[in-house]
């Protein structure tokens, strides 16, 4: 289904590299704001850096797929040597597909993680990769994300999830 994630977990930081390897995942594609990094608090960058190193040690590449511009994304990610695609135009799947193909990976080797149904889950599902919805790292959003959250409430209703989804500690089918 277009907006429905395959998995729901509390935070991207609960992804276990051992489990990802068992699943055949070679790359974790992630949204940036409120998924890897609180959009308004850059102190969470240390946790992001540790997560990237943990994935790398397991042979899994972390790639950020962001709708933000390259200057904003690069400022945050370049010091940590994290690869990214800026101006990805999510919910369109093209950035995910292009990066996956560039990395010579099959669809089932890539996982898209994000905190929004309308952008992250839709883009991942359209690209045919595994999708993981996480809770936003902070309760507040930038103005443009607040608009998406309004429409997400309508989508949750039509998916029969009028109360929010249940987020789990680790990967289990949603």
Protein backbone atom coordinates (compact mmCIF):
# COMPACT_ATOMS: atom_id res chain seq x y z
CA UNK A 1 0.00 0.00 0.00
CA UNK A 2 1.21 3.46 -0.89
CA UNK A 3 1.54 5.03 2.57
CA UNK A 4 1.72 1.95 4.79
CA UNK A 5 5.18 1.16 6.19
CA UNK A 6 6.30 -2.45 6.43
CA UNK A 7 7.77 -1.81 9.89
CA UNK A 8 7.24 0.73 12.67
CA UNK A 9 9.87 1.29 15.35
CA UNK A 10 10.46 3.91 18.03
CA UNK A 11 13.69 5.28 16.58
CA UNK A 12 16.12 4.57 13.76
CA UNK A 13 18.73 4.03 16.46
CA UNK A 14 17.00 0.78 17.40
CA UNK A 15 17.88 -0.78 14.04
CA UNK A 16 20.16 -3.73 14.76
CA UNK A 17 22.93 -4.24 12.18
CA UNK A 18 22.92 -8.00 12.86
CA UNK A 19 19.20 -8.21 12.04
CA UNK A 20 19.72 -6.00 8.97
CA UNK A 21 22.46 -8.34 7.73
CA UNK A 22 20.16 -11.34 8.29
CA UNK A 23 17.56 -9.54 6.15
CA UNK A 24 20.13 -8.92 3.39
CA UNK A 25 20.07 -5.13 3.85
CA UNK A 26 23.19 -3.48 2.41
CA UNK A 27 22.06 0.16 2.70
CA UNK A 28 19.84 2.14 5.04
CA UNK A 29 18.43 5.19 3.32
CA UNK A 30 17.18 7.67 5.87
CA UNK A 31 15.36 10.94 6.05
CA UNK A 32 17.35 13.59 7.95
CA UNK A 33 15.09 15.88 9.97
CA UNK A 34 13.34 14.23 12.92
CA UNK A 35 14.55 10.79 11.81
CA UNK A 36 18.35 10.89 12.16
CA UNK A 37 18.63 14.36 13.63
CA UNK A 38 16.20 16.55 15.55
CA UNK A 39 15.44 19.31 13.03
CA UNK A 40 16.07 22.03 15.60
CA UNK A 41 18.77 20.44 17.81
CA UNK A 42 22.10 19.51 16.30
CA UNK A 43 23.28 17.91 19.55
CA UNK A 44 21.75 14.68 18.28
CA UNK A 45 24.52 14.53 15.66
CA UNK A 46 26.75 12.47 17.99
CA UNK A 47 24.13 9.71 18.15
CA UNK A 48 23.85 9.86 14.35
CA UNK A 49 27.63 9.54 14.02
CA UNK A 50 27.73 6.51 16.36
CA UNK A 51 24.87 4.86 14.43
CA UNK A 52 26.67 5.42 11.12
CA UNK A 53 29.85 3.83 12.52
CA UNK A 54 27.88 0.85 13.89
CA UNK A 55 26.27 0.27 10.48
CA UNK A 56 29.58 0.69 8.65
CA UNK A 57 31.24 -1.87 10.92
CA UNK A 58 28.52 -4.33 9.83
CA UNK A 59 29.08 -3.51 6.14
CA UNK A 60 25.90 -1.44 5.80
CA UNK A 61 25.98 1.97 4.16
CA UNK A 62 23.95 4.87 5.59
CA UNK A 63 22.66 7.33 2.98
CA UNK A 64 20.48 10.33 3.76
CA UNK A 65 17.68 11.06 1.28
CA UNK A 66 16.50 14.59 2.04
CA UNK A 67 14.21 17.16 0.48
CA UNK A 68 16.45 19.90 1.93
CA UNK A 69 19.04 21.68 -0.17
CA UNK A 70 22.63 20.44 -0.42
CA UNK A 71 24.05 23.34 1.61
CA UNK A 72 21.81 22.56 4.62
CA UNK A 73 22.30 18.77 4.42
CA UNK A 74 26.03 18.96 3.70
CA UNK A 75 26.62 21.30 6.65
CA UNK A 76 25.24 18.63 8.97
CA UNK A 77 26.53 15.43 7.30
CA UNK A 78 29.89 16.27 5.74
CA UNK A 79 31.77 16.39 9.09
CA UNK A 80 30.61 12.79 9.66
CA UNK A 81 31.32 11.58 6.12
CA UNK A 82 27.71 10.48 5.59
CA UNK A 83 26.61 10.22 1.97
CA UNK A 84 23.43 12.05 0.96
CA UNK A 85 21.05 12.99 -1.81
CA UNK A 86 19.63 16.50 -1.42
CA UNK A 87 16.53 17.97 -3.08
CA UNK A 88 15.25 14.41 -3.47
CA UNK A 89 11.66 15.47 -4.17
CA UNK A 90 10.10 12.84 -1.96
CA UNK A 91 7.40 11.47 -2.26
CA UNK A 92 8.68 10.82 -5.78
CA UNK A 93 10.83 7.66 -5.78
CA UNK A 94 13.47 8.77 -8.29
CA UNK A 95 16.24 9.78 -5.84
CA UNK A 96 15.92 6.47 -3.97
CA UNK A 97 15.93 4.45 -7.19
CA UNK A 98 18.81 6.41 -8.71
CA UNK A 99 20.99 6.06 -5.59
CA UNK A 100 20.14 2.35 -5.22
CA UNK A 101 21.08 1.72 -8.86
CA UNK A 102 24.26 3.80 -8.50
CA UNK A 103 25.20 1.55 -5.55
CA UNK A 104 24.33 -1.54 -7.66
CA UNK A 105 21.86 -2.82 -5.08
CA UNK A 106 18.64 -4.76 -5.54
CA UNK A 107 15.42 -3.34 -4.12
CA UNK A 108 15.37 -5.90 -1.31
CA UNK A 109 18.85 -4.79 -0.17
CA UNK A 110 17.70 -1.24 0.66
CA UNK A 111 15.61 0.04 3.54
CA UNK A 112 14.05 3.54 3.61
CA UNK A 113 13.55 4.96 7.11
CA UNK A 114 11.62 8.11 7.89
CA UNK A 115 9.16 9.83 10.16
CA UNK A 116 6.54 10.85 7.58
CA UNK A 117 3.98 8.81 5.67
CA UNK A 118 3.49 11.35 2.87
CA UNK A 119 7.14 11.81 1.96
CA UNK A 120 9.32 8.98 3.29
CA UNK A 121 6.98 5.98 3.26
CA UNK A 122 5.37 6.89 -0.05
CA UNK A 123 8.77 7.40 -1.72
CA UNK A 124 10.14 4.13 -0.31
CA UNK A 125 7.06 2.16 -1.30
CA UNK A 126 7.02 3.62 -4.81
CA UNK A 127 10.72 2.73 -5.13
CA UNK A 128 9.92 -0.84 -4.03
CA UNK A 129 12.29 -0.92 -1.05
CA UNK A 130 11.65 -1.96 2.57
CA UNK A 131 10.05 0.87 4.57
CA UNK A 132 10.34 1.74 8.25
CA UNK A 133 8.31 4.46 9.93
CA UNK A 134 9.82 5.94 13.10
CA UNK A 135 8.49 8.36 15.70
CA UNK A 136 9.73 11.92 15.08
CA UNK A 137 12.71 12.67 17.33
CA UNK A 138 11.04 15.87 18.58
CA UNK A 139 7.38 16.85 18.81
CA UNK A 140 7.76 20.10 16.89
CA UNK A 141 8.13 20.42 13.13
CA UNK A 142 9.16 23.04 10.62
CA UNK A 143 6.18 24.87 9.08
CA UNK A 144 6.17 22.79 5.88
CA UNK A 145 6.20 19.51 7.82
CA UNK A 146 3.23 20.68 9.91
CA UNK A 147 1.19 20.73 6.70
CA UNK A 148 2.16 17.11 5.99
CA UNK A 149 1.25 16.08 9.54
CA UNK A 150 -2.26 17.47 9.02
CA UNK A 151 -2.73 15.30 5.92
CA UNK A 152 -1.15 12.31 7.69
CA UNK A 153 -4.01 12.38 10.21
CA UNK A 154 -6.45 11.95 7.32
CA UNK A 155 -4.38 9.11 5.86
CA UNK A 156 -4.22 7.37 9.25
CA UNK A 157 -8.00 7.59 9.39
CA UNK A 158 -8.45 6.03 5.95
CA UNK A 159 -5.90 3.31 6.73
CA UNK A 160 -8.06 2.40 9.70
CA UNK A 161 -5.45 3.72 12.08
CA UNK A 162 -7.41 6.63 13.53
CA UNK A 163 -5.22 6.33 16.60
CA UNK A 164 -1.55 6.43 15.67
CA UNK A 165 0.35 3.28 14.79
CA UNK A 166 2.05 1.23 17.48
CA UNK A 167 5.78 1.74 17.41
CA UNK A 168 7.88 -1.25 18.43
CA UNK A 169 11.33 -1.46 19.93
CA UNK A 170 12.78 -3.35 16.97
CA UNK A 171 11.91 -4.68 13.53
CA UNK A 172 8.79 -6.79 13.39
CA UNK A 173 6.25 -6.77 10.57
CA UNK A 174 3.90 -3.80 11.06
